[in-house]
Structure formats: structure tokens, C-alpha cells
Amino acid sequence: MAEWNLLPHEEAKLLNVARDEALIAHADYAYLPNTPALAALFEPHEWVREAMRRAYSLGRQAGAHRAREEIRNALGVKP
């Protein structure tokens, strides 16, 4: 497992997204929770959580690069 350096609240947000999506998809997969109460207790597979961590981290990095680019452009600094 990779180290993504996510803060506890970021991990919690990702877990909540996974639980929400599991509830939405329960009609297609019998093993997924079919009530909000069950979804709140649901633990997604580790590979799902790892994929979400990776996507979140890569998005955060891309956003940081974009922000730096926009700041440079606003200041008229050439790359």
C-alpha cells in the first residue's frame, strides 16, 4: 500500500463517498448495503479505498500545479 499522506478528515471524506456510492449501487450488487444505516457501517474493499486515495492525491497535485501556473501568469512570470 502506498503512502498518500492524507489527513484523517480527508480519509473520512473518502470513506463517506465510498459508502454513499455503495448505497447507490446496491441494486446491481447484492453484497452492497441497501439502507443508509447499513451503509454507515459498510467497509469498502481496501483496493477501492486505495484507488480513491490515489485519485484524490493525484487530483490534489494537479490542482496545486494549476494554481502555481495561474499565479505565475497573473504575476507575469515566465515558466
Protein backbone atom coordinates (compact mmCIF):
# COMPACT_ATOMS: atom_id res chain seq x y z
CA MET A 1 0.00 0.00 0.00
CA ALA A 2 1.32 3.41 -0.94
CA GLU A 3 1.61 6.29 1.49
CA TRP A 4 -0.62 9.14 0.32
CA ASN A 5 -0.17 11.43 3.35
CA LEU A 6 -3.87 12.11 3.70
CA LEU A 7 -5.16 13.83 6.80
CA PRO A 8 -7.73 11.98 8.93
CA HIS A 9 -10.58 14.24 7.73
CA GLU A 10 -9.60 13.55 4.10
CA GLU A 11 -9.66 9.79 4.73
CA ALA A 12 -13.06 10.18 6.40
CA LYS A 13 -14.44 12.11 3.42
CA LEU A 14 -13.24 9.41 1.03
CA LEU A 15 -14.78 6.69 3.17
CA ASN A 16 -18.09 8.55 3.20
CA VAL A 17 -18.01 8.87 -0.59
CA ALA A 18 -17.35 5.13 -0.91
CA ARG A 19 -20.22 4.36 1.45
CA ASP A 20 -22.59 6.70 -0.41
CA GLU A 21 -21.66 5.15 -3.75
CA ALA A 22 -22.10 1.65 -2.36
CA LEU A 23 -25.64 2.54 -1.29
CA ILE A 24 -26.40 3.98 -4.71
CA ALA A 25 -25.07 0.86 -6.46
CA HIS A 26 -26.74 -1.73 -4.21
CA ALA A 27 -29.36 -2.64 -6.81
CA ASP A 28 -26.63 -4.03 -9.06
CA TYR A 29 -24.59 -5.81 -6.37
CA ALA A 30 -26.31 -7.80 -3.63
CA TYR A 31 -23.36 -7.57 -1.22
CA LEU A 32 -23.60 -3.78 -1.00
CA PRO A 33 -25.62 -2.08 1.75
CA ASN A 34 -29.25 -1.31 0.90
CA THR A 35 -30.12 1.12 3.70
CA PRO A 36 -28.41 4.26 5.00
CA ALA A 37 -27.89 2.55 8.37
CA LEU A 38 -26.06 -0.36 6.75
CA ALA A 39 -24.10 2.00 4.51
CA ALA A 40 -22.83 3.86 7.59
CA LEU A 41 -21.25 0.60 8.80
CA PHE A 42 -20.05 -0.61 5.41
CA GLU A 43 -16.29 -1.10 4.94
CA PRO A 44 -15.30 -0.96 1.27
CA HIS A 45 -12.59 -3.26 -0.07
CA GLU A 46 -9.08 -1.95 0.50
CA TRP A 47 -8.44 -1.80 -3.24
CA VAL A 48 -11.40 0.60 -3.56
CA ARG A 49 -10.07 2.81 -0.79
CA GLU A 50 -6.56 2.71 -2.26
CA ALA A 51 -7.86 3.73 -5.70
CA MET A 52 -9.76 6.61 -4.12
CA ARG A 53 -6.68 7.74 -2.18
CA ARG A 54 -4.61 7.68 -5.35
CA ALA A 55 -7.19 9.61 -7.37
CA TYR A 56 -7.60 12.19 -4.60
CA SER A 57 -3.85 12.67 -4.21
CA LEU A 58 -3.26 12.97 -7.95
CA GLY A 59 -6.09 15.49 -8.23
CA ARG A 60 -4.68 17.49 -5.35
CA GLN A 61 -1.24 17.55 -7.02
CA ALA A 62 -2.73 18.60 -10.35
CA GLY A 63 -4.67 21.37 -8.61
CA ALA A 64 -1.52 22.63 -6.92
CA HIS A 65 0.35 22.72 -10.22
CA ARG A 66 -2.52 24.56 -11.86
CA ALA A 67 -2.67 27.10 -9.03
CA ARG A 68 1.05 27.80 -9.30
CA GLU A 69 0.68 28.24 -13.06
CA GLU A 70 -2.20 30.69 -12.63
CA ILE A 71 -0.25 32.68 -10.02
CA ARG A 72 2.76 32.90 -12.33
CA ASN A 73 0.53 34.02 -15.19
CA ALA A 74 -1.14 36.66 -13.03
CA LEU A 75 2.25 37.99 -11.94
CA GLY A 76 3.63 37.87 -15.48
CA VAL A 77 6.35 35.39 -14.51
CA LYS A 78 7.53 33.20 -17.36
CA PRO A 79 7.98 29.47 -16.68
